[in-house]
């Protein structure tokens, strides 16, 4: 999947799972649509939260 993180044992990108939930889909709907479990969804959310927690912003010099 182009180096993007996926749900273990699948080709379902974490971005798709999180995006589906953000778009209003329920956990059950996401599980059904992508043949994953609720634990997989929670793992995707935990991964996304971890990545956001590691995000760093850097000021660039300039005018």
N, C-alpha and C. Protein backbone atom coordinates (compact mmCIF):
# COMPACT_ATOMS: atom_id res chain seq x y z
N UNK A 1 0.83 -1.19 0.00
CA UNK A 1 0.00 0.00 0.00
C UNK A 1 0.87 1.26 0.00
N UNK A 2 1.95 1.21 -0.73
CA UNK A 2 2.76 2.40 -0.87
C UNK A 2 3.44 2.85 0.40
N UNK A 3 3.68 1.93 1.33
CA UNK A 3 4.36 2.28 2.56
C UNK A 3 3.46 2.84 3.64
N UNK A 4 2.16 2.93 3.36
CA UNK A 4 1.22 3.42 4.36
C UNK A 4 0.89 2.31 5.34
N UNK A 5 0.64 2.68 6.61
CA UNK A 5 0.30 1.65 7.60
C UNK A 5 -1.06 1.01 7.28
N UNK A 6 -1.11 -0.30 7.45
CA UNK A 6 -2.33 -1.06 7.20
C UNK A 6 -2.70 -1.88 8.43
N UNK A 7 -3.94 -2.34 8.46
CA UNK A 7 -4.39 -3.23 9.51
C UNK A 7 -3.66 -4.56 9.32
N UNK A 8 -3.07 -5.06 10.39
CA UNK A 8 -2.26 -6.29 10.33
C UNK A 8 -3.06 -7.42 9.67
N UNK A 9 -2.41 -8.07 8.72
CA UNK A 9 -3.00 -9.21 8.04
C UNK A 9 -4.00 -8.83 6.96
N UNK A 10 -4.10 -7.54 6.65
CA UNK A 10 -5.02 -7.07 5.60
C UNK A 10 -4.29 -6.09 4.71
N UNK A 11 -5.01 -5.58 3.74
CA UNK A 11 -4.50 -4.49 2.91
C UNK A 11 -5.33 -3.23 3.16
N UNK A 12 -5.97 -3.17 4.31
CA UNK A 12 -6.83 -2.03 4.65
C UNK A 12 -5.98 -0.95 5.33
N UNK A 13 -5.82 0.22 4.69
CA UNK A 13 -5.02 1.28 5.29
C UNK A 13 -5.67 1.87 6.54
N UNK A 14 -4.84 2.21 7.51
CA UNK A 14 -5.32 2.86 8.73
C UNK A 14 -6.06 4.15 8.35
N UNK A 15 -5.55 4.86 7.37
CA UNK A 15 -6.16 6.12 6.93
C UNK A 15 -7.61 5.91 6.49
N UNK A 16 -7.89 4.82 5.83
CA UNK A 16 -9.25 4.53 5.36
C UNK A 16 -10.18 4.27 6.54
N UNK A 17 -9.69 3.53 7.52
CA UNK A 17 -10.50 3.22 8.70
C UNK A 17 -10.82 4.50 9.47
N UNK A 18 -9.80 5.29 9.77
CA UNK A 18 -10.00 6.53 10.52
C UNK A 18 -10.87 7.50 9.72
N UNK A 19 -10.62 7.60 8.44
CA UNK A 19 -11.41 8.48 7.58
C UNK A 19 -12.86 8.07 7.51
N UNK A 20 -13.12 6.79 7.47
CA UNK A 20 -14.50 6.30 7.45
C UNK A 20 -15.24 6.67 8.73
N UNK A 21 -14.56 6.51 9.86
CA UNK A 21 -15.17 6.89 11.14
C UNK A 21 -15.39 8.39 11.20
N UNK A 22 -14.42 9.16 10.74
CA UNK A 22 -14.56 10.62 10.74
C UNK A 22 -15.71 11.07 9.83
N UNK A 23 -15.95 10.29 8.79
CA UNK A 23 -17.03 10.61 7.86
C UNK A 23 -18.41 10.21 8.35
N UNK A 24 -18.46 9.59 9.52
CA UNK A 24 -19.75 9.27 10.10
C UNK A 24 -20.12 7.80 10.13
N UNK A 25 -19.27 6.95 9.57
CA UNK A 25 -19.56 5.51 9.61
C UNK A 25 -19.43 5.00 11.04
N UNK A 26 -20.20 3.99 11.35
CA UNK A 26 -20.10 3.35 12.66
C UNK A 26 -18.98 2.32 12.62
N UNK A 27 -18.54 1.92 13.80
CA UNK A 27 -17.52 0.88 13.88
C UNK A 27 -18.03 -0.39 13.20
N UNK A 28 -19.28 -0.74 13.45
CA UNK A 28 -19.84 -1.96 12.83
C UNK A 28 -19.85 -1.84 11.31
N UNK A 29 -20.19 -0.67 10.79
CA UNK A 29 -20.23 -0.49 9.34
C UNK A 29 -18.83 -0.61 8.74
N UNK A 30 -17.83 -0.04 9.42
CA UNK A 30 -16.45 -0.13 8.94
C UNK A 30 -15.99 -1.58 8.97
N UNK A 31 -16.31 -2.27 10.05
CA UNK A 31 -15.93 -3.69 10.15
C UNK A 31 -16.54 -4.50 9.02
N UNK A 32 -17.81 -4.27 8.75
CA UNK A 32 -18.49 -5.01 7.68
C UNK A 32 -17.92 -4.65 6.31
N UNK A 33 -17.66 -3.37 6.09
CA UNK A 33 -17.19 -2.91 4.77
C UNK A 33 -15.81 -3.44 4.44
N UNK A 34 -14.95 -3.59 5.44
CA UNK A 34 -13.56 -3.96 5.18
C UNK A 34 -13.16 -5.31 5.76
N UNK A 35 -14.12 -6.05 6.27
CA UNK A 35 -13.87 -7.39 6.83
C UNK A 35 -12.78 -7.36 7.89
N UNK A 36 -12.92 -6.40 8.82
CA UNK A 36 -12.00 -6.28 9.95
C UNK A 36 -12.81 -6.35 11.24
N UNK A 37 -12.12 -6.42 12.37
CA UNK A 37 -12.81 -6.53 13.65
C UNK A 37 -12.82 -5.18 14.37
N UNK A 38 -13.64 -5.10 15.41
CA UNK A 38 -13.68 -3.89 16.23
C UNK A 38 -12.32 -3.67 16.89
N UNK A 39 -11.63 -4.74 17.23
CA UNK A 39 -10.27 -4.60 17.78
C UNK A 39 -9.33 -3.98 16.75
N UNK A 40 -9.50 -4.34 15.49
CA UNK A 40 -8.69 -3.74 14.42
C UNK A 40 -8.95 -2.23 14.34
N UNK A 41 -10.21 -1.84 14.45
CA UNK A 41 -10.58 -0.42 14.40
C UNK A 41 -9.94 0.32 15.58
N UNK A 42 -10.03 -0.27 16.76
CA UNK A 42 -9.42 0.37 17.94
C UNK A 42 -7.91 0.49 17.78
N UNK A 43 -7.29 -0.52 17.20
CA UNK A 43 -5.85 -0.47 16.96
C UNK A 43 -5.50 0.63 15.97
N UNK A 44 -6.32 0.80 14.95
CA UNK A 44 -6.08 1.87 13.97
C UNK A 44 -6.19 3.24 14.63
N UNK A 45 -7.19 3.41 15.49
CA UNK A 45 -7.35 4.68 16.20
C UNK A 45 -6.19 4.93 17.16
N UNK A 46 -5.76 3.89 17.84
CA UNK A 46 -4.63 4.02 18.76
C UNK A 46 -3.36 4.40 17.99
N UNK A 47 -3.17 3.79 16.85
CA UNK A 47 -2.00 4.11 16.02
C UNK A 47 -2.06 5.57 15.57
N UNK A 48 -3.22 6.01 15.10
CA UNK A 48 -3.37 7.39 14.66
C UNK A 48 -3.11 8.36 15.81
N UNK A 49 -3.61 8.05 16.98
CA UNK A 49 -3.39 8.91 18.15
C UNK A 49 -1.90 8.97 18.49
N UNK A 50 -1.23 7.84 18.42
CA UNK A 50 0.20 7.79 18.71
C UNK A 50 0.99 8.63 17.71
N UNK A 51 0.64 8.53 16.45
CA UNK A 51 1.34 9.30 15.43
C UNK A 51 1.11 10.80 15.61
N UNK A 52 -0.09 11.19 15.96
CA UNK A 52 -0.36 12.61 16.21
C UNK A 52 0.38 13.11 17.43
N UNK A 53 0.54 12.26 18.42
CA UNK A 53 1.27 12.63 19.61
C UNK A 53 2.75 12.83 19.35
N UNK A 54 3.26 12.23 18.30
CA UNK A 54 4.68 12.35 17.96
C UNK A 54 4.95 13.47 16.97
N UNK A 55 3.89 14.08 16.48
CA UNK A 55 4.05 15.12 15.46
C UNK A 55 4.82 16.31 16.02
N UNK A 56 5.73 16.81 15.23
CA UNK A 56 6.54 17.96 15.63
C UNK A 56 6.37 19.06 14.58
N UNK A 57 6.28 20.27 15.04
CA UNK A 57 6.21 21.42 14.14
C UNK A 57 7.52 22.19 14.25
N UNK A 58 8.01 22.63 13.13
CA UNK A 58 9.25 23.37 13.10
C UNK A 58 9.03 24.69 12.38
N UNK A 59 9.49 25.78 12.99
CA UNK A 59 9.41 27.08 12.36
C UNK A 59 10.53 27.18 11.32
N UNK A 60 10.18 27.63 10.15
CA UNK A 60 11.17 27.81 9.10
C UNK A 60 11.59 29.26 9.05
N UNK A 61 12.87 29.51 8.88
CA UNK A 61 13.30 30.91 8.78
C UNK A 61 12.78 31.51 7.47
N UNK A 62 12.47 32.73 7.53
CA UNK A 62 12.00 33.37 6.31
C UNK A 62 11.26 34.67 6.65
N UNK A 63 10.77 35.26 5.65
CA UNK A 63 10.20 36.56 5.85
C UNK A 63 8.80 36.61 5.51
